[in-house]
Amino acid sequence: MDKKSRDYEVCLCYKTTRGEVEDFIKAHRITDLTILCKQMNIGNKCGGCREDLQMIIDDVYGFTSGNS
């Protein structure tokens, strides 16, 4: 599935979709990955989704990630 799709399961450990993450970021005005992970309780088990979570933050706010 396309990582830009709202249905994309970004955090496999906690079964969290990109859409859920985008909505949470917008509702709580989150710009920091560490804060997002703590407040949503995602990205803190295996850590495999942290790069994608940062990409979503960057996409929501139009930031250019250094990882692109």
PDB file of N, CA and C in Angstrom:
ATOM      1  N   MET A   1       0.842  -1.181   0.000  1.00  0.00           N
ATOM      2  CA  MET A   1       0.000   0.000   0.000  1.00  0.00           C
ATOM      3  C   MET A   1       0.889   1.246   0.000  1.00  0.00           C
ATOM      4  N   ASP A   2       0.421   2.272  -0.651  1.00  0.00           N
ATOM      5  CA  ASP A   2       1.137   3.547  -0.744  1.00  0.00           C
ATOM      6  C   ASP A   2       1.251   4.193   0.637  1.00  0.00           C
ATOM      7  N   LYS A   3       2.459   4.614   1.006  1.00  0.00           N
ATOM      8  CA  LYS A   3       2.689   5.233   2.315  1.00  0.00           C
ATOM      9  C   LYS A   3       1.953   6.559   2.473  1.00  0.00           C
ATOM     10  N   LYS A   4       1.488   7.141   1.382  1.00  0.00           N
ATOM     11  CA  LYS A   4       0.749   8.407   1.443  1.00  0.00           C
ATOM     12  C   LYS A   4      -0.753   8.181   1.656  1.00  0.00           C
ATOM     13  N   SER A   5      -1.199   6.936   1.562  1.00  0.00           N
ATOM     14  CA  SER A   5      -2.613   6.612   1.766  1.00  0.00           C
ATOM     15  C   SER A   5      -2.978   6.736   3.242  1.00  0.00           C
ATOM     16  N   ARG A   6      -4.144   7.292   3.522  1.00  0.00           N
ATOM     17  CA  ARG A   6      -4.598   7.418   4.911  1.00  0.00           C
ATOM     18  C   ARG A   6      -4.834   6.045   5.543  1.00  0.00           C
ATOM     19  N   ASP A   7      -5.015   5.015   4.730  1.00  0.00           N
ATOM     20  CA  ASP A   7      -5.243   3.662   5.245  1.00  0.00           C
ATOM     21  C   ASP A   7      -3.949   2.897   5.502  1.00  0.00           C
ATOM     22  N   TYR A   8      -2.816   3.474   5.109  1.00  0.00           N
ATOM     23  CA  TYR A   8      -1.518   2.823   5.310  1.00  0.00           C
ATOM     24  C   TYR A   8      -1.269   2.612   6.803  1.00  0.00           C
ATOM     25  N   GLU A   9      -0.980   1.372   7.184  1.00  0.00           N
ATOM     26  CA  GLU A   9      -0.718   1.047   8.587  1.00  0.00           C
ATOM     27  C   GLU A   9       0.732   1.396   8.898  1.00  0.00           C
ATOM     28  N   VAL A  10       0.926   2.566   9.467  1.00  0.00           N
ATOM     29  CA  VAL A  10       2.273   3.090   9.694  1.00  0.00           C
ATOM     30  C   VAL A  10       2.942   2.407  10.881  1.00  0.00           C
ATOM     31  N   CYS A  11       2.197   2.139  11.937  1.00  0.00           N
ATOM     32  CA  CYS A  11       2.753   1.460  13.113  1.00  0.00           C
ATOM     33  C   CYS A  11       2.134   0.070  13.200  1.00  0.00           C
ATOM     34  N   LEU A  12       2.913  -0.927  12.822  1.00  0.00           N
ATOM     35  CA  LEU A  12       2.409  -2.298  12.811  1.00  0.00           C
ATOM     36  C   LEU A  12       2.206  -2.843  14.220  1.00  0.00           C
ATOM     37  N   CYS A  13       3.046  -2.433  15.150  1.00  0.00           N
ATOM     38  CA  CYS A  13       2.946  -2.937  16.528  1.00  0.00           C
ATOM     39  C   CYS A  13       1.619  -2.552  17.173  1.00  0.00           C
ATOM     40  N   TYR A  14       1.156  -1.333  16.880  1.00  0.00           N
ATOM     41  CA  TYR A  14      -0.061  -0.823  17.515  1.00  0.00           C
ATOM     42  C   TYR A  14      -1.213  -0.633  16.529  1.00  0.00           C
ATOM     43  N   LYS A  15      -1.027  -1.152  15.296  1.00  0.00           N
ATOM     44  CA  LYS A  15      -2.090  -1.126  14.279  1.00  0.00           C
ATOM     45  C   LYS A  15      -2.659   0.278  14.072  1.00  0.00           C
ATOM     46  N   THR A  16      -1.771   1.236  13.844  1.00  0.00           N
ATOM     47  CA  THR A  16      -2.167   2.639  13.703  1.00  0.00           C
ATOM     48  C   THR A  16      -1.982   3.092  12.259  1.00  0.00           C
ATOM     49  N   THR A  17      -3.003   3.718  11.689  1.00  0.00           N
ATOM     50  CA  THR A  17      -2.939   4.149  10.293  1.00  0.00           C
ATOM     51  C   THR A  17      -2.388   5.564  10.158  1.00  0.00           C
ATOM     52  N   ARG A  18      -1.949   5.862   8.958  1.00  0.00           N
ATOM     53  CA  ARG A  18      -1.463   7.212   8.650  1.00  0.00           C
ATOM     54  C   ARG A  18      -2.561   8.241   8.913  1.00  0.00           C
ATOM     55  N   GLY A  19      -3.786   7.911   8.551  1.00  0.00           N
ATOM     56  CA  GLY A  19      -4.898   8.835   8.769  1.00  0.00           C
ATOM     57  C   GLY A  19      -5.084   9.175  10.238  1.00  0.00           C
ATOM     58  N   GLU A  20      -4.988   8.179  11.098  1.00  0.00           N
ATOM     59  CA  GLU A  20      -5.108   8.415  12.541  1.00  0.00           C
ATOM     60  C   GLU A  20      -3.986   9.324  13.030  1.00  0.00           C
ATOM     61  N   VAL A  21      -2.788   9.086  12.526  1.00  0.00           N
ATOM     62  CA  VAL A  21      -1.634   9.895  12.924  1.00  0.00           C
ATOM     63  C   VAL A  21      -1.798  11.328  12.420  1.00  0.00           C
ATOM     64  N   GLU A  22      -2.185  11.493  11.162  1.00  0.00           N
ATOM     65  CA  GLU A  22      -2.390  12.839  10.610  1.00  0.00           C
ATOM     66  C   GLU A  22      -3.426  13.608  11.421  1.00  0.00           C
ATOM     67  N   ASP A  23      -4.542  12.959  11.729  1.00  0.00           N
ATOM     68  CA  ASP A  23      -5.610  13.617  12.484  1.00  0.00           C
ATOM     69  C   ASP A  23      -5.129  14.033  13.869  1.00  0.00           C
ATOM     70  N   PHE A  24      -4.357  13.172  14.514  1.00  0.00           N
ATOM     71  CA  PHE A  24      -3.837  13.465  15.855  1.00  0.00           C
ATOM     72  C   PHE A  24      -2.857  14.633  15.808  1.00  0.00           C
ATOM     73  N   ILE A  25      -1.974  14.617  14.815  1.00  0.00           N
ATOM     74  CA  ILE A  25      -0.994  15.697  14.653  1.00  0.00           C
ATOM     75  C   ILE A  25      -1.709  17.038  14.487  1.00  0.00           C
ATOM     76  N   LYS A  26      -2.723  17.061  13.636  1.00  0.00           N
ATOM     77  CA  LYS A  26      -3.451  18.306  13.376  1.00  0.00           C
ATOM     78  C   LYS A  26      -4.242  18.758  14.599  1.00  0.00           C
ATOM     79  N   ALA A  27      -4.904  17.826  15.263  1.00  0.00           N
ATOM     80  CA  ALA A  27      -5.741  18.167  16.417  1.00  0.00           C
ATOM     81  C   ALA A  27      -4.926  18.698  17.589  1.00  0.00           C
ATOM     82  N   HIS A  28      -3.707  18.172  17.733  1.00  0.00           N
ATOM     83  CA  HIS A  28      -2.879  18.527  18.890  1.00  0.00           C
ATOM     84  C   HIS A  28      -1.680  19.408  18.523  1.00  0.00           C
ATOM     85  N   ARG A  29      -1.621  19.791  17.239  1.00  0.00           N
ATOM     86  CA  ARG A  29      -0.554  20.678  16.732  1.00  0.00           C
ATOM     87  C   ARG A  29       0.843  20.174  17.091  1.00  0.00           C
ATOM     88  N   ILE A  30       1.053  18.907  16.840  1.00  0.00           N
ATOM     89  CA  ILE A  30       2.328  18.279  17.183  1.00  0.00           C
ATOM     90  C   ILE A  30       3.320  18.459  16.041  1.00  0.00           C
ATOM     91  N   THR A  31       4.529  18.893  16.394  1.00  0.00           N
ATOM     92  CA  THR A  31       5.591  19.061  15.398  1.00  0.00           C
ATOM     93  C   THR A  31       6.831  18.250  15.748  1.00  0.00           C
ATOM     94  N   ASP A  32       6.816  17.583  16.886  1.00  0.00           N
ATOM     95  CA  ASP A  32       7.987  16.862  17.385  1.00  0.00           C
ATOM     96  C   ASP A  32       7.703  15.361  17.448  1.00  0.00           C
ATOM     97  N   LEU A  33       8.596  14.568  16.863  1.00  0.00           N
ATOM     98  CA  LEU A  33       8.418  13.118  16.810  1.00  0.00           C
ATOM     99  C   LEU A  33       8.332  12.492  18.199  1.00  0.00           C
ATOM    100  N   THR A  34       9.194  12.894  19.102  1.00  0.00           N
ATOM    101  CA  THR A  34       9.200  12.315  20.448  1.00  0.00           C
ATOM    102  C   THR A  34       7.873  12.569  21.157  1.00  0.00           C
ATOM    103  N   ILE A  35       7.360  13.769  21.022  1.00  0.00           N
ATOM    104  CA  ILE A  35       6.071  14.101  21.643  1.00  0.00           C
ATOM    105  C   ILE A  35       4.951  13.295  21.005  1.00  0.00           C
ATOM    106  N   LEU A  36       4.964  13.167  19.680  1.00  0.00           N
ATOM    107  CA  LEU A  36       3.955  12.362  18.987  1.00  0.00           C
ATOM    108  C   LEU A  36       3.959  10.935  19.507  1.00  0.00           C
ATOM    109  N   CYS A  37       5.137  10.332  19.587  1.00  0.00           N
ATOM    110  CA  CYS A  37       5.249   8.941  20.034  1.00  0.00           C
ATOM    111  C   CYS A  37       4.739   8.768  21.462  1.00  0.00           C
ATOM    112  N   LYS A  38       5.076   9.700  22.334  1.00  0.00           N
ATOM    113  CA  LYS A  38       4.624   9.614  23.733  1.00  0.00           C
ATOM    114  C   LYS A  38       3.122   9.804  23.844  1.00  0.00           C
ATOM    115  N   GLN A  39       2.588  10.816  23.172  1.00  0.00           N
ATOM    116  CA  GLN A  39       1.171  11.130  23.315  1.00  0.00           C
ATOM    117  C   GLN A  39       0.261  10.118  22.631  1.00  0.00           C
ATOM    118  N   MET A  40       0.708   9.548  21.505  1.00  0.00           N
ATOM    119  CA  MET A  40      -0.104   8.545  20.808  1.00  0.00           C
ATOM    120  C   MET A  40       0.224   7.126  21.244  1.00  0.00           C
ATOM    121  N   ASN A  41       1.301   6.972  22.001  1.00  0.00           N
ATOM    122  CA  ASN A  41       1.788   5.656  22.403  1.00  0.00           C
ATOM    123  C   ASN A  41       2.053   4.774  21.179  1.00  0.00           C
ATOM    124  N   ILE A  42       2.796   5.329  20.234  1.00  0.00           N
ATOM    125  CA  ILE A  42       3.231   4.586  19.048  1.00  0.00           C
ATOM    126  C   ILE A  42       4.710   4.855  18.833  1.00  0.00           C
ATOM    127  N   GLY A  43       5.354   4.018  18.014  1.00  0.00           N
ATOM    128  CA  GLY A  43       6.758   4.229  17.684  1.00  0.00           C
ATOM    129  C   GLY A  43       7.708   3.968  18.830  1.00  0.00           C
ATOM    130  N   ASN A  44       7.206   3.325  19.871  1.00  0.00           N
ATOM    131  CA  ASN A  44       8.036   3.113  21.056  1.00  0.00           C
ATOM    132  C   ASN A  44       8.208   1.642  21.425  1.00  0.00           C
ATOM    133  N   LYS A  45       7.798   0.758  20.524  1.00  0.00           N
ATOM    134  CA  LYS A  45       7.979  -0.673  20.777  1.00  0.00           C
ATOM    135  C   LYS A  45       9.178  -1.165  19.971  1.00  0.00           C
ATOM    136  N   CYS A  46       9.012  -1.370  18.675  1.00  0.00           N
ATOM    137  CA  CYS A  46      10.145  -1.811  17.845  1.00  0.00           C
ATOM    138  C   CYS A  46      10.878  -0.623  17.218  1.00  0.00           C
ATOM    139  N   GLY A  47      10.180   0.522  17.077  1.00  0.00           N
ATOM    140  CA  GLY A  47      10.797   1.721  16.509  1.00  0.00           C
ATOM    141  C   GLY A  47      10.857   1.735  14.995  1.00  0.00           C
ATOM    142  N   GLY A  48      10.357   0.703  14.354  1.00  0.00           N
ATOM    143  CA  GLY A  48      10.443   0.603  12.904  1.00  0.00           C
ATOM    144  C   GLY A  48       9.652   1.645  12.137  1.00  0.00           C
ATOM    145  N   CYS A  49       8.706   2.288  12.785  1.00  0.00           N
ATOM    146  CA  CYS A  49       7.855   3.265  12.101  1.00  0.00           C
ATOM    147  C   CYS A  49       8.297   4.707  12.314  1.00  0.00           C
ATOM    148  N   ARG A  50       9.306   4.929  13.103  1.00  0.00           N
ATOM    149  CA  ARG A  50       9.680   6.299  13.482  1.00  0.00           C
ATOM    150  C   ARG A  50      10.049   7.168  12.273  1.00  0.00           C
ATOM    151  N   GLU A  51      10.725   6.604  11.298  1.00  0.00           N
ATOM    152  CA  GLU A  51      11.065   7.372  10.098  1.00  0.00           C
ATOM    153  C   GLU A  51       9.797   7.778   9.349  1.00  0.00           C
ATOM    154  N   ASP A  52       8.848   6.846   9.229  1.00  0.00           N
ATOM    155  CA  ASP A  52       7.576   7.161   8.571  1.00  0.00           C
ATOM    156  C   ASP A  52       6.777   8.188   9.371  1.00  0.00           C
ATOM    157  N   LEU A  53       6.811   8.088  10.692  1.00  0.00           N
ATOM    158  CA  LEU A  53       6.100   9.063  11.527  1.00  0.00           C
ATOM    159  C   LEU A  53       6.670  10.464  11.326  1.00  0.00           C
ATOM    160  N   GLN A  54       7.984  10.569  11.231  1.00  0.00           N
ATOM    161  CA  GLN A  54       8.606  11.874  10.978  1.00  0.00           C
ATOM    162  C   GLN A  54       8.199  12.393   9.610  1.00  0.00           C
ATOM    163  N   MET A  55       8.123  11.497   8.626  1.00  0.00           N
ATOM    164  CA  MET A  55       7.700  11.879   7.283  1.00  0.00           C
ATOM    165  C   MET A  55       6.273  12.440   7.317  1.00  0.00           C
ATOM    166  N   ILE A  56       5.402  11.837   8.120  1.00  0.00           N
ATOM    167  CA  ILE A  56       4.019  12.312   8.216  1.00  0.00           C
ATOM    168  C   ILE A  56       3.979  13.704   8.844  1.00  0.00           C
ATOM    169  N   ILE A  57       4.740  13.914   9.908  1.00  0.00           N
ATOM    170  CA  ILE A  57       4.820  15.251  10.514  1.00  0.00           C
ATOM    171  C   ILE A  57       5.275  16.258   9.459  1.00  0.00           C
ATOM    172  N   ASP A  58       6.321  15.917   8.730  1.00  0.00           N
ATOM    173  CA  ASP A  58       6.854  16.801   7.689  1.00  0.00           C
ATOM    174  C   ASP A  58       5.802  17.085   6.620  1.00  0.00           C
ATOM    175  N   ASP A  59       5.067  16.049   6.210  1.00  0.00           N
ATOM    176  CA  ASP A  59       4.031  16.214   5.188  1.00  0.00           C
ATOM    177  C   ASP A  59       2.900  17.123   5.677  1.00  0.00           C
ATOM    178  N   VAL A  60       2.467  16.931   6.911  1.00  0.00           N
ATOM    179  CA  VAL A  60       1.363  17.725   7.461  1.00  0.00           C
ATOM    180  C   VAL A  60       1.708  19.210   7.465  1.00  0.00           C
ATOM    181  N   TYR A  61       2.937  19.526   7.825  1.00  0.00           N
ATOM    182  CA  TYR A  61       3.335  20.927   7.951  1.00  0.00           C
ATOM    183  C   TYR A  61       4.114  21.460   6.747  1.00  0.00           C
ATOM    184  N   GLY A  62       4.326  20.614   5.740  1.00  0.00           N
ATOM    185  CA  GLY A  62       5.048  21.052   4.549  1.00  0.00           C
ATOM    186  C   GLY A  62       6.535  21.219   4.772  1.00  0.00           C
ATOM    187  N   PHE A  63       7.057  20.537   5.810  1.00  0.00           N
ATOM    188  CA  PHE A  63       8.493  20.589   6.086  1.00  0.00           C
ATOM    189  C   PHE A  63       9.224  19.728   5.074  1.00  0.00           C
ATOM    190  N   THR A  64      10.476  20.043   4.833  1.00  0.00           N
ATOM    191  CA  THR A  64      11.341  19.209   4.008  1.00  0.00           C
ATOM    192  C   THR A  64      12.227  18.423   4.942  1.00  0.00           C
ATOM    193  N   SER A  65      12.076  17.102   4.907  1.00  0.00           N
ATOM    194  CA  SER A  65      12.857  16.235   5.785  1.00  0.00           C
ATOM    195  C   SER A  65      14.258  16.064   5.236  1.00  0.00           C
ATOM    196  N   GLY A  66      15.226  15.995   6.114  1.00  0.00           N
ATOM    197  CA  GLY A  66      16.604  15.748   5.715  1.00  0.00           C
ATOM    198  C   GLY A  66      16.815  14.343   5.211  1.00  0.00           C
ATOM    199  N   ASN A  67      15.820  13.467   5.404  1.00  0.00           N
ATOM    200  CA  ASN A  67      15.930  12.072   4.984  1.00  0.00           C
ATOM    201  C   ASN A  67      15.406  11.859   3.578  1.00  0.00           C
ATOM    202  N   SER A  68      14.888  12.891   2.929  1.00  0.00           N
ATOM    203  CA  SER A  68      14.285  12.732   1.606  1.00  0.00           C
ATOM    204  C   SER A  68      15.334  12.584   0.540  1.00  0.00           C
TER     205      SER A  68
END
